[in-house]
Full PDB file with SEQRES, HELIX, SHEET, SSBOND, CRYST1, ORIGX, SCALE, CONECT and MASTER records, all heavy atoms in Angstrom:
SEQRES   1 A   40  ILE ALA LEU HIS LEU LYS ASP LEU HIS ILE ALA LEU GLU          
SEQRES   2 A   40  MET ALA ARG GLU VAL GLY ALA ALA LEU PRO VAL SER ALA          
SEQRES   3 A   40  MET ALA SER GLN ILE GLU ALA GLY LEU VAL ALA ARG GLY          
SEQRES   4 A   40  TYR                                                          
HELIX    1 AA1 ALA A    2  VAL A   18  1                                  17    
HELIX    2 AA2 PRO A   23  ALA A   37  1                                  15    
CRYST1    1.000    1.000    1.000  90.00  90.00  90.00 P 1           1          
ORIGX1      1.000000  0.000000  0.000000        0.00000                         
ORIGX2      0.000000  1.000000  0.000000        0.00000                         
ORIGX3      0.000000  0.000000  1.000000        0.00000                         
SCALE1      1.000000  0.000000  0.000000        0.00000                         
SCALE2      0.000000  1.000000  0.000000        0.00000                         
SCALE3      0.000000  0.000000  1.000000        0.00000                         
ATOM      1  N   ILE A   1       0.832  -1.197   0.000  1.00  0.00           N  
ATOM      2  CA  ILE A   1       0.000   0.000   0.000  1.00  0.00           C  
ATOM      3  C   ILE A   1       0.868   1.248   0.000  1.00  0.00           C  
ATOM      4  O   ILE A   1       0.565   2.232  -0.694  1.00  0.00           O  
ATOM      5  CB  ILE A   1      -0.941   0.006   1.226  1.00  0.00           C  
ATOM      6  CG1 ILE A   1      -2.108  -0.958   1.007  1.00  0.00           C  
ATOM      7  CG2 ILE A   1      -1.481   1.402   1.492  1.00  0.00           C  
ATOM      8  CD1 ILE A   1      -3.092  -0.975   2.142  1.00  0.00           C  
ATOM      9  N   ALA A   2       1.942   1.244   0.771  1.00  0.00           N  
ATOM     10  CA  ALA A   2       2.801   2.430   0.856  1.00  0.00           C  
ATOM     11  C   ALA A   2       3.388   2.787  -0.506  1.00  0.00           C  
ATOM     12  O   ALA A   2       3.524   3.976  -0.837  1.00  0.00           O  
ATOM     13  CB  ALA A   2       3.915   2.207   1.879  1.00  0.00           C  
ATOM     14  N   LEU A   3       3.722   1.791  -1.302  1.00  0.00           N  
ATOM     15  CA  LEU A   3       4.279   2.051  -2.630  1.00  0.00           C  
ATOM     16  C   LEU A   3       3.198   2.559  -3.580  1.00  0.00           C  
ATOM     17  O   LEU A   3       3.448   3.462  -4.391  1.00  0.00           O  
ATOM     18  CB  LEU A   3       4.924   0.784  -3.191  1.00  0.00           C  
ATOM     19  CG  LEU A   3       6.194   0.315  -2.492  1.00  0.00           C  
ATOM     20  CD1 LEU A   3       6.703  -0.973  -3.128  1.00  0.00           C  
ATOM     21  CD2 LEU A   3       7.279   1.393  -2.556  1.00  0.00           C  
ATOM     22  N   HIS A   4       2.004   1.986  -3.493  1.00  0.00           N  
ATOM     23  CA  HIS A   4       0.931   2.465  -4.347  1.00  0.00           C  
ATOM     24  C   HIS A   4       0.556   3.897  -3.987  1.00  0.00           C  
ATOM     25  O   HIS A   4       0.249   4.715  -4.871  1.00  0.00           O  
ATOM     26  CB  HIS A   4      -0.297   1.560  -4.232  1.00  0.00           C  
ATOM     27  CG  HIS A   4      -1.361   1.875  -5.231  1.00  0.00           C  
ATOM     28  ND1 HIS A   4      -2.501   2.568  -4.887  1.00  0.00           N  
ATOM     29  CD2 HIS A   4      -1.451   1.624  -6.564  1.00  0.00           C  
ATOM     30  CE1 HIS A   4      -3.256   2.720  -5.970  1.00  0.00           C  
ATOM     31  NE2 HIS A   4      -2.641   2.157  -6.993  1.00  0.00           N  
ATOM     32  N   LEU A   5       0.593   4.224  -2.700  1.00  0.00           N  
ATOM     33  CA  LEU A   5       0.307   5.591  -2.268  1.00  0.00           C  
ATOM     34  C   LEU A   5       1.318   6.559  -2.862  1.00  0.00           C  
ATOM     35  O   LEU A   5       0.948   7.659  -3.303  1.00  0.00           O  
ATOM     36  CB  LEU A   5       0.316   5.662  -0.741  1.00  0.00           C  
ATOM     37  CG  LEU A   5       0.064   7.035  -0.120  1.00  0.00           C  
ATOM     38  CD1 LEU A   5      -1.296   7.583  -0.531  1.00  0.00           C  
ATOM     39  CD2 LEU A   5       0.180   6.953   1.410  1.00  0.00           C  
ATOM     40  N   LYS A   6       2.572   6.164  -2.874  1.00  0.00           N  
ATOM     41  CA  LYS A   6       3.612   7.008  -3.491  1.00  0.00           C  
ATOM     42  C   LYS A   6       3.288   7.255  -4.961  1.00  0.00           C  
ATOM     43  O   LYS A   6       3.378   8.392  -5.447  1.00  0.00           O  
ATOM     44  CB  LYS A   6       4.978   6.334  -3.358  1.00  0.00           C  
ATOM     45  CG  LYS A   6       6.108   7.024  -4.131  1.00  0.00           C  
ATOM     46  CD  LYS A   6       7.372   6.214  -4.087  1.00  0.00           C  
ATOM     47  CE  LYS A   6       7.273   4.917  -4.845  1.00  0.00           C  
ATOM     48  NZ  LYS A   6       7.150   5.120  -6.315  1.00  0.00           N  
ATOM     49  N   ASP A   7       2.897   6.207  -5.668  1.00  0.00           N  
ATOM     50  CA  ASP A   7       2.562   6.349  -7.083  1.00  0.00           C  
ATOM     51  C   ASP A   7       1.322   7.214  -7.286  1.00  0.00           C  
ATOM     52  O   ASP A   7       1.238   7.989  -8.242  1.00  0.00           O  
ATOM     53  CB  ASP A   7       2.341   4.969  -7.713  1.00  0.00           C  
ATOM     54  CG  ASP A   7       3.627   4.176  -7.863  1.00  0.00           C  
ATOM     55  OD1 ASP A   7       4.713   4.791  -7.800  1.00  0.00           O  
ATOM     56  OD2 ASP A   7       3.546   2.950  -8.041  1.00  0.00           O  
ATOM     57  N   LEU A   8       0.344   7.084  -6.383  1.00  0.00           N  
ATOM     58  CA  LEU A   8      -0.851   7.909  -6.493  1.00  0.00           C  
ATOM     59  C   LEU A   8      -0.524   9.384  -6.292  1.00  0.00           C  
ATOM     60  O   LEU A   8      -1.117  10.255  -6.936  1.00  0.00           O  
ATOM     61  CB  LEU A   8      -1.908   7.467  -5.480  1.00  0.00           C  
ATOM     62  CG  LEU A   8      -2.854   6.348  -5.901  1.00  0.00           C  
ATOM     63  CD1 LEU A   8      -3.938   6.159  -4.854  1.00  0.00           C  
ATOM     64  CD2 LEU A   8      -3.488   6.615  -7.262  1.00  0.00           C  
ATOM     65  N   HIS A   9       0.407   9.681  -5.390  1.00  0.00           N  
ATOM     66  CA  HIS A   9       0.822  11.071  -5.202  1.00  0.00           C  
ATOM     67  C   HIS A   9       1.402  11.638  -6.491  1.00  0.00           C  
ATOM     68  O   HIS A   9       1.136  12.791  -6.859  1.00  0.00           O  
ATOM     69  CB  HIS A   9       1.850  11.166  -4.074  1.00  0.00           C  
ATOM     70  CG  HIS A   9       1.256  11.010  -2.710  1.00  0.00           C  
ATOM     71  ND1 HIS A   9       2.013  10.702  -1.591  1.00  0.00           N  
ATOM     72  CD2 HIS A   9      -0.032  11.118  -2.263  1.00  0.00           C  
ATOM     73  CE1 HIS A   9       1.223  10.642  -0.530  1.00  0.00           C  
ATOM     74  NE2 HIS A   9      -0.017  10.875  -0.918  1.00  0.00           N  
ATOM     75  N   ILE A  10       2.193  10.820  -7.198  1.00  0.00           N  
ATOM     76  CA  ILE A  10       2.751  11.238  -8.489  1.00  0.00           C  
ATOM     77  C   ILE A  10       1.629  11.485  -9.484  1.00  0.00           C  
ATOM     78  O   ILE A  10       1.617  12.497 -10.205  1.00  0.00           O  
ATOM     79  CB  ILE A  10       3.725  10.173  -9.019  1.00  0.00           C  
ATOM     80  CG1 ILE A  10       4.964  10.091  -8.114  1.00  0.00           C  
ATOM     81  CG2 ILE A  10       4.127  10.478 -10.467  1.00  0.00           C  
ATOM     82  CD1 ILE A  10       5.894   8.945  -8.452  1.00  0.00           C  
ATOM     83  N   ALA A  11       0.655  10.577  -9.515  1.00  0.00           N  
ATOM     84  CA  ALA A  11      -0.464  10.710 -10.455  1.00  0.00           C  
ATOM     85  C   ALA A  11      -1.306  11.939 -10.148  1.00  0.00           C  
ATOM     86  O   ALA A  11      -1.725  12.671 -11.057  1.00  0.00           O  
ATOM     87  CB  ALA A  11      -1.328   9.450 -10.411  1.00  0.00           C  
ATOM     88  N   LEU A  12      -1.555  12.201  -8.875  1.00  0.00           N  
ATOM     89  CA  LEU A  12      -2.381  13.347  -8.498  1.00  0.00           C  
ATOM     90  C   LEU A  12      -1.662  14.659  -8.783  1.00  0.00           C  
ATOM     91  O   LEU A  12      -2.296  15.647  -9.183  1.00  0.00           O  
ATOM     92  CB  LEU A  12      -2.759  13.250  -7.015  1.00  0.00           C  
ATOM     93  CG  LEU A  12      -3.755  12.133  -6.684  1.00  0.00           C  
ATOM     94  CD1 LEU A  12      -3.847  11.920  -5.177  1.00  0.00           C  
ATOM     95  CD2 LEU A  12      -5.133  12.443  -7.268  1.00  0.00           C  
ATOM     96  N   GLU A  13      -0.354  14.670  -8.602  1.00  0.00           N  
ATOM     97  CA  GLU A  13       0.411  15.873  -8.950  1.00  0.00           C  
ATOM     98  C   GLU A  13       0.388  16.106 -10.457  1.00  0.00           C  
ATOM     99  O   GLU A  13       0.235  17.240 -10.914  1.00  0.00           O  
ATOM    100  CB  GLU A  13       1.857  15.716  -8.451  1.00  0.00           C  
ATOM    101  CG  GLU A  13       2.760  16.894  -8.798  1.00  0.00           C  
ATOM    102  CD  GLU A  13       2.274  18.214  -8.206  1.00  0.00           C  
ATOM    103  OE1 GLU A  13       1.638  18.191  -7.132  1.00  0.00           O  
ATOM    104  OE2 GLU A  13       2.538  19.272  -8.837  1.00  0.00           O  
ATOM    105  N   MET A  14       0.525  15.019 -11.218  1.00  0.00           N  
ATOM    106  CA  MET A  14       0.442  15.135 -12.669  1.00  0.00           C  
ATOM    107  C   MET A  14      -0.931  15.638 -13.080  1.00  0.00           C  
ATOM    108  O   MET A  14      -1.058  16.481 -13.980  1.00  0.00           O  
ATOM    109  CB  MET A  14       0.714  13.763 -13.303  1.00  0.00           C  
ATOM    110  CG  MET A  14       0.836  13.775 -14.825  1.00  0.00           C  
ATOM    111  SD  MET A  14       1.359  12.161 -15.465  1.00  0.00           S  
ATOM    112  CE  MET A  14      -0.201  11.275 -15.390  1.00  0.00           C  
ATOM    113  N   ALA A  15      -1.975  15.162 -12.404  1.00  0.00           N  
ATOM    114  CA  ALA A  15      -3.331  15.596 -12.712  1.00  0.00           C  
ATOM    115  C   ALA A  15      -3.515  17.089 -12.442  1.00  0.00           C  
ATOM    116  O   ALA A  15      -4.172  17.801 -13.212  1.00  0.00           O  
ATOM    117  CB  ALA A  15      -4.340  14.784 -11.899  1.00  0.00           C  
ATOM    118  N   ARG A  16      -2.941  17.567 -11.349  1.00  0.00           N  
ATOM    119  CA  ARG A  16      -3.036  18.999 -11.052  1.00  0.00           C  
ATOM    120  C   ARG A  16      -2.347  19.832 -12.119  1.00  0.00           C  
ATOM    121  O   ARG A  16      -2.833  20.893 -12.518  1.00  0.00           O  
ATOM    122  CB  ARG A  16      -2.426  19.287  -9.675  1.00  0.00           C  
ATOM    123  CG  ARG A  16      -3.333  18.931  -8.508  1.00  0.00           C  
ATOM    124  CD  ARG A  16      -2.780  19.433  -7.191  1.00  0.00           C  
ATOM    125  NE  ARG A  16      -1.622  18.651  -6.768  1.00  0.00           N  
ATOM    126  CZ  ARG A  16      -1.698  17.577  -6.001  1.00  0.00           C  
ATOM    127  NH1 ARG A  16      -2.871  17.137  -5.580  1.00  0.00           N  
ATOM    128  NH2 ARG A  16      -0.602  16.935  -5.642  1.00  0.00           N  
ATOM    129  N   GLU A  17      -1.225  19.334 -12.600  1.00  0.00           N  
ATOM    130  CA  GLU A  17      -0.461  20.073 -13.603  1.00  0.00           C  
ATOM    131  C   GLU A  17      -1.204  20.182 -14.930  1.00  0.00           C  
ATOM    132  O   GLU A  17      -1.110  21.205 -15.622  1.00  0.00           O  
ATOM    133  CB  GLU A  17       0.905  19.414 -13.820  1.00  0.00           C  
ATOM    134  CG  GLU A  17       1.840  19.543 -12.620  1.00  0.00           C  
ATOM    135  CD  GLU A  17       3.135  18.781 -12.819  1.00  0.00           C  
ATOM    136  OE1 GLU A  17       3.271  18.116 -13.882  1.00  0.00           O  
ATOM    137  OE2 GLU A  17       4.005  18.845 -11.933  1.00  0.00           O  
ATOM    138  N   VAL A  18      -1.946  19.136 -15.296  1.00  0.00           N  
ATOM    139  CA  VAL A  18      -2.627  19.139 -16.597  1.00  0.00           C  
ATOM    140  C   VAL A  18      -4.102  19.488 -16.494  1.00  0.00           C  
ATOM    141  O   VAL A  18      -4.804  19.589 -17.504  1.00  0.00           O  
ATOM    142  CB  VAL A  18      -2.454  17.774 -17.310  1.00  0.00           C  
ATOM    143  CG1 VAL A  18      -0.981  17.465 -17.517  1.00  0.00           C  
ATOM    144  CG2 VAL A  18      -3.145  16.650 -16.534  1.00  0.00           C  
ATOM    145  N   GLY A  19      -4.614  19.649 -15.260  1.00  0.00           N  
ATOM    146  CA  GLY A  19      -6.004  20.019 -15.084  1.00  0.00           C  
ATOM    147  C   GLY A  19      -6.981  18.874 -15.205  1.00  0.00           C  
ATOM    148  O   GLY A  19      -8.102  19.054 -15.672  1.00  0.00           O  
ATOM    149  N   ALA A  20      -6.567  17.670 -14.775  1.00  0.00           N  
ATOM    150  CA  ALA A  20      -7.446  16.497 -14.812  1.00  0.00           C  
ATOM    151  C   ALA A  20      -8.027  16.244 -13.425  1.00  0.00           C  
ATOM    152  O   ALA A  20      -7.315  16.333 -12.418  1.00  0.00           O  
ATOM    153  CB  ALA A  20      -6.685  15.266 -15.289  1.00  0.00           C  
ATOM    154  N   ALA A  21      -9.310  15.930 -13.358  1.00  0.00           N  
ATOM    155  CA  ALA A  21      -9.975  15.623 -12.092  1.00  0.00           C  
ATOM    156  C   ALA A  21      -9.911  14.121 -11.830  1.00  0.00           C  
ATOM    157  O   ALA A  21     -10.330  13.334 -12.678  1.00  0.00           O  
ATOM    158  CB  ALA A  21     -11.425  16.088 -12.127  1.00  0.00           C  
ATOM    159  N   LEU A  22      -9.403  13.734 -10.672  1.00  0.00           N  
ATOM    160  CA  LEU A  22      -9.279  12.317 -10.314  1.00  0.00           C  
ATOM    161  C   LEU A  22      -9.944  12.082  -8.953  1.00  0.00           C  
ATOM    162  O   LEU A  22      -9.269  11.817  -7.954  1.00  0.00           O  
ATOM    163  CB  LEU A  22      -7.807  11.892 -10.260  1.00  0.00           C  
ATOM    164  CG  LEU A  22      -6.946  12.136 -11.495  1.00  0.00           C  
ATOM    165  CD1 LEU A  22      -5.526  11.635 -11.243  1.00  0.00           C  
ATOM    166  CD2 LEU A  22      -7.550  11.455 -12.718  1.00  0.00           C  
ATOM    167  N   PRO A  23     -11.267  12.157  -8.872  1.00  0.00           N  
ATOM    168  CA  PRO A  23     -11.935  12.041  -7.560  1.00  0.00           C  
ATOM    169  C   PRO A  23     -11.748  10.690  -6.893  1.00  0.00           C  
ATOM    170  O   PRO A  23     -11.573  10.624  -5.669  1.00  0.00           O  
ATOM    171  CB  PRO A  23     -13.405  12.314  -7.896  1.00  0.00           C  
ATOM    172  CG  PRO A  23     -13.541  12.011  -9.360  1.00  0.00           C  
ATOM    173  CD  PRO A  23     -12.236  12.389  -9.969  1.00  0.00           C  
ATOM    174  N   VAL A  24     -11.798   9.606  -7.663  1.00  0.00           N  
ATOM    175  CA  VAL A  24     -11.644   8.274  -7.063  1.00  0.00           C  
ATOM    176  C   VAL A  24     -10.215   8.077  -6.555  1.00  0.00           C  
ATOM    177  O   VAL A  24      -9.997   7.559  -5.458  1.00  0.00           O  
ATOM    178  CB  VAL A  24     -12.018   7.176  -8.077  1.00  0.00           C  
ATOM    179  CG1 VAL A  24     -11.736   5.790  -7.494  1.00  0.00           C  
ATOM    180  CG2 VAL A  24     -13.485   7.294  -8.473  1.00  0.00           C  
ATOM    181  N   SER A  25      -9.242   8.515  -7.339  1.00  0.00           N  
ATOM    182  CA  SER A  25      -7.846   8.380  -6.921  1.00  0.00           C  
ATOM    183  C   SER A  25      -7.555   9.227  -5.690  1.00  0.00           C  
ATOM    184  O   SER A  25      -6.787   8.818  -4.803  1.00  0.00           O  
ATOM    185  CB  SER A  25      -6.914   8.783  -8.065  1.00  0.00           C  
ATOM    186  OG  SER A  25      -7.059   7.906  -9.156  1.00  0.00           O  
ATOM    187  N   ALA A  26      -8.152  10.408  -5.625  1.00  0.00           N  
ATOM    188  CA  ALA A  26      -7.966  11.261  -4.454  1.00  0.00           C  
ATOM    189  C   ALA A  26      -8.532  10.582  -3.211  1.00  0.00           C  
ATOM    190  O   ALA A  26      -7.914  10.598  -2.133  1.00  0.00           O  
ATOM    191  CB  ALA A  26      -8.637  12.616  -4.682  1.00  0.00           C  
ATOM    192  N   MET A  27      -9.701   9.954  -3.353  1.00  0.00           N  
ATOM    193  CA  MET A  27     -10.293   9.230  -2.230  1.00  0.00           C  
ATOM    194  C   MET A  27      -9.418   8.044  -1.835  1.00  0.00           C  
ATOM    195  O   MET A  27      -9.170   7.807  -0.643  1.00  0.00           O  
ATOM    196  CB  MET A  27     -11.689   8.734  -2.598  1.00  0.00           C  
ATOM    197  CG  MET A  27     -12.373   7.944  -1.485  1.00  0.00           C  
ATOM    198  SD  MET A  27     -13.959   7.233  -2.019  1.00  0.00           S  
ATOM    199  CE  MET A  27     -14.856   8.731  -2.433  1.00  0.00           C  
ATOM    200  N   ALA A  28      -8.940   7.303  -2.842  1.00  0.00           N  
ATOM    201  CA  ALA A  28      -8.089   6.142  -2.559  1.00  0.00           C  
ATOM    202  C   ALA A  28      -6.817   6.564  -1.830  1.00  0.00           C  
ATOM    203  O   ALA A  28      -6.362   5.881  -0.907  1.00  0.00           O  
ATOM    204  CB  ALA A  28      -7.744   5.416  -3.856  1.00  0.00           C  
ATOM    205  N   SER A  29      -6.236   7.685  -2.230  1.00  0.00           N  
ATOM    206  CA  SER A  29      -5.001   8.143  -1.584  1.00  0.00           C  
ATOM    207  C   SER A  29      -5.252   8.488  -0.121  1.00  0.00           C  
ATOM    208  O   SER A  29      -4.410   8.221   0.741  1.00  0.00           O  
ATOM    209  CB  SER A  29      -4.417   9.337  -2.333  1.00  0.00           C  
ATOM    210  OG  SER A  29      -5.194  10.507  -2.146  1.00  0.00           O  
ATOM    211  N   GLN A  30      -6.405   9.058   0.191  1.00  0.00           N  
ATOM    212  CA  GLN A  30      -6.722   9.379   1.578  1.00  0.00           C  
ATOM    213  C   GLN A  30      -6.921   8.108   2.402  1.00  0.00           C  
ATOM    214  O   GLN A  30      -6.461   8.017   3.547  1.00  0.00           O  
ATOM    215  CB  GLN A  30      -7.980  10.242   1.631  1.00  0.00           C  
ATOM    216  CG  GLN A  30      -7.788  11.635   1.042  1.00  0.00           C  
ATOM    217  CD  GLN A  30      -9.079  12.446   1.046  1.00  0.00           C  
ATOM    218  OE1 GLN A  30     -10.083  12.025   1.611  1.00  0.00           O  
ATOM    219  NE2 GLN A  30      -9.045  13.607   0.417  1.00  0.00           N  
ATOM    220  N   ILE A  31      -7.610   7.131   1.806  1.00  0.00           N  
ATOM    221  CA  ILE A  31      -7.813   5.863   2.510  1.00  0.00           C  
ATOM    222  C   ILE A  31      -6.475   5.171   2.747  1.00  0.00           C  
ATOM    223  O   ILE A  31      -6.191   4.667   3.849  1.00  0.00           O  
ATOM    224  CB  ILE A  31      -8.759   4.944   1.712  1.00  0.00           C  
ATOM    225  CG1 ILE A  31     -10.142   5.584   1.583  1.00  0.00           C  
ATOM    226  CG2 ILE A  31      -8.869   3.577   2.381  1.00  0.00           C  
ATOM    227  CD1 ILE A  31     -11.079   4.846   0.632  1.00  0.00           C  
ATOM    228  N   GLU A  32      -5.632   5.145   1.724  1.00  0.00           N  
ATOM    229  CA  GLU A  32      -4.334   4.493   1.851  1.00  0.00           C  
ATOM    230  C   GLU A  32      -3.451   5.212   2.868  1.00  0.00           C  
ATOM    231  O   GLU A  32      -2.735   4.570   3.644  1.00  0.00           O  
ATOM    232  CB  GLU A  32      -3.651   4.431   0.487  1.00  0.00           C  
ATOM    233  CG  GLU A  32      -4.338   3.461  -0.467  1.00  0.00           C  
ATOM    234  CD  GLU A  32      -3.679   3.404  -1.836  1.00  0.00           C  
ATOM    235  OE1 GLU A  32      -2.635   4.072  -2.025  1.00  0.00           O  
ATOM    236  OE2 GLU A  32      -4.195   2.704  -2.719  1.00  0.00           O  
ATOM    237  N   ALA A  33      -3.497   6.538   2.866  1.00  0.00           N  
ATOM    238  CA  ALA A  33      -2.707   7.297   3.847  1.00  0.00           C  
ATOM    239  C   ALA A  33      -3.152   6.938   5.270  1.00  0.00           C  
ATOM    240  O   ALA A  33      -2.318   6.814   6.186  1.00  0.00           O  
ATOM    241  CB  ALA A  33      -2.848   8.795   3.595  1.00  0.00           C  
ATOM    242  N   GLY A  34      -4.462   6.773   5.465  1.00  0.00           N  
ATOM    243  CA  GLY A  34      -4.955   6.375   6.775  1.00  0.00           C  
ATOM    244  C   GLY A  34      -4.483   4.989   7.175  1.00  0.00           C  
ATOM    245  O   GLY A  34      -4.109   4.750   8.329  1.00  0.00           O  
ATOM    246  N   LEU A  35      -4.472   4.065   6.224  1.00  0.00           N  
ATOM    247  CA  LEU A  35      -3.998   2.704   6.511  1.00  0.00           C  
ATOM    248  C   LEU A  35      -2.508   2.697   6.835  1.00  0.00           C  
ATOM    249  O   LEU A  35      -2.066   1.993   7.746  1.00  0.00           O  
ATOM    250  CB  LEU A  35      -4.282   1.794   5.312  1.00  0.00           C  
ATOM    251  CG  LEU A  35      -5.765   1.444   5.089  1.00  0.00           C  
ATOM    252  CD1 LEU A  35      -5.963   0.810   3.715  1.00  0.00           C  
ATOM    253  CD2 LEU A  35      -6.278   0.511   6.185  1.00  0.00           C  
ATOM    254  N   VAL A  36      -1.738   3.480   6.089  1.00  0.00           N  
ATOM    255  CA  VAL A  36      -0.301   3.578   6.372  1.00  0.00           C  
ATOM    256  C   VAL A  36      -0.083   4.143   7.774  1.00  0.00           C  
ATOM    257  O   VAL A  36       0.755   3.649   8.543  1.00  0.00           O  
ATOM    258  CB  VAL A  36       0.401   4.450   5.312  1.00  0.00           C  
ATOM    259  CG1 VAL A  36       1.843   4.754   5.730  1.00  0.00           C  
ATOM    260  CG2 VAL A  36       0.382   3.754   3.953  1.00  0.00           C  
ATOM    261  N   ALA A  37      -0.843   5.169   8.139  1.00  0.00           N  
ATOM    262  CA  ALA A  37      -0.707   5.783   9.457  1.00  0.00           C  
ATOM    263  C   ALA A  37      -1.050   4.797  10.575  1.00  0.00           C  
ATOM    264  O   ALA A  37      -0.519   4.894  11.690  1.00  0.00           O  
ATOM    265  CB  ALA A  37      -1.607   7.014   9.555  1.00  0.00           C  
ATOM    266  N   ARG A  38      -1.920   3.839  10.274  1.00  0.00           N  
ATOM    267  CA  ARG A  38      -2.317   2.827  11.265  1.00  0.00           C  
ATOM    268  C   ARG A  38      -1.368   1.632  11.287  1.00  0.00           C  
ATOM    269  O   ARG A  38      -1.578   0.691  12.047  1.00  0.00           O  
ATOM    270  CB  ARG A  38      -3.741   2.354  10.985  1.00  0.00           C  
ATOM    271  CG  ARG A  38      -4.803   3.426  11.225  1.00  0.00           C  
ATOM    272  CD  ARG A  38      -6.134   3.021  10.614  1.00  0.00           C  
ATOM    273  NE  ARG A  38      -6.630   1.748  11.130  1.00  0.00           N  
ATOM    274  CZ  ARG A  38      -7.642   1.073  10.582  1.00  0.00           C  
ATOM    275  NH1 ARG A  38      -8.246   1.532   9.494  1.00  0.00           N  
ATOM    276  NH2 ARG A  38      -8.037  -0.075  11.106  1.00  0.00           N  
ATOM    277  N   GLY A  39      -0.339   1.665  10.460  1.00  0.00           N  
ATOM    278  CA  GLY A  39       0.665   0.604  10.473  1.00  0.00           C  
ATOM    279  C   GLY A  39       0.462  -0.494   9.462  1.00  0.00           C  
ATOM    280  O   GLY A  39       1.098  -1.550   9.548  1.00  0.00           O  
ATOM    281  N   TYR A  40      -0.395  -0.257   8.459  1.00  0.00           N  
ATOM    282  CA  TYR A  40      -0.682  -1.290   7.465  1.00  0.00           C  
ATOM    283  C   TYR A  40       0.008  -1.038   6.123  1.00  0.00           C  
ATOM    284  O   TYR A  40      -0.364  -1.634   5.115  1.00  0.00           O  
ATOM    285  CB  TYR A  40      -2.193  -1.395   7.242  1.00  0.00           C  
ATOM    286  CG  TYR A  40      -2.973  -1.793   8.467  1.00  0.00           C  
ATOM    287  CD1 TYR A  40      -3.978  -0.968   8.971  1.00  0.00           C  
ATOM    288  CD2 TYR A  40      -2.704  -2.984   9.127  1.00  0.00           C  
ATOM    289  CE1 TYR A  40      -4.707  -1.328  10.097  1.00  0.00           C  
ATOM    290  CE2 TYR A  40      -3.419  -3.355  10.259  1.00  0.00           C  
ATOM    291  CZ  TYR A  40      -4.422  -2.518  10.740  1.00  0.00           C  
ATOM    292  OH  TYR A  40      -5.133  -2.885  11.861  1.00  0.00           O  
TER     293      TYR A  40                                                      
MASTER        0    0    0    2    0    0    0    6  292    1    0    4          
END                                                                             
């Protein structure tokens, strides 16, 4: 999960740069960040 979260951060930054909306990916990144914070 920690590696996928890193990749999602790259994707979300790329989306901001090009003006693409990624609502599902943004939600997934928040969920994954919470799991990482809980030790998973």
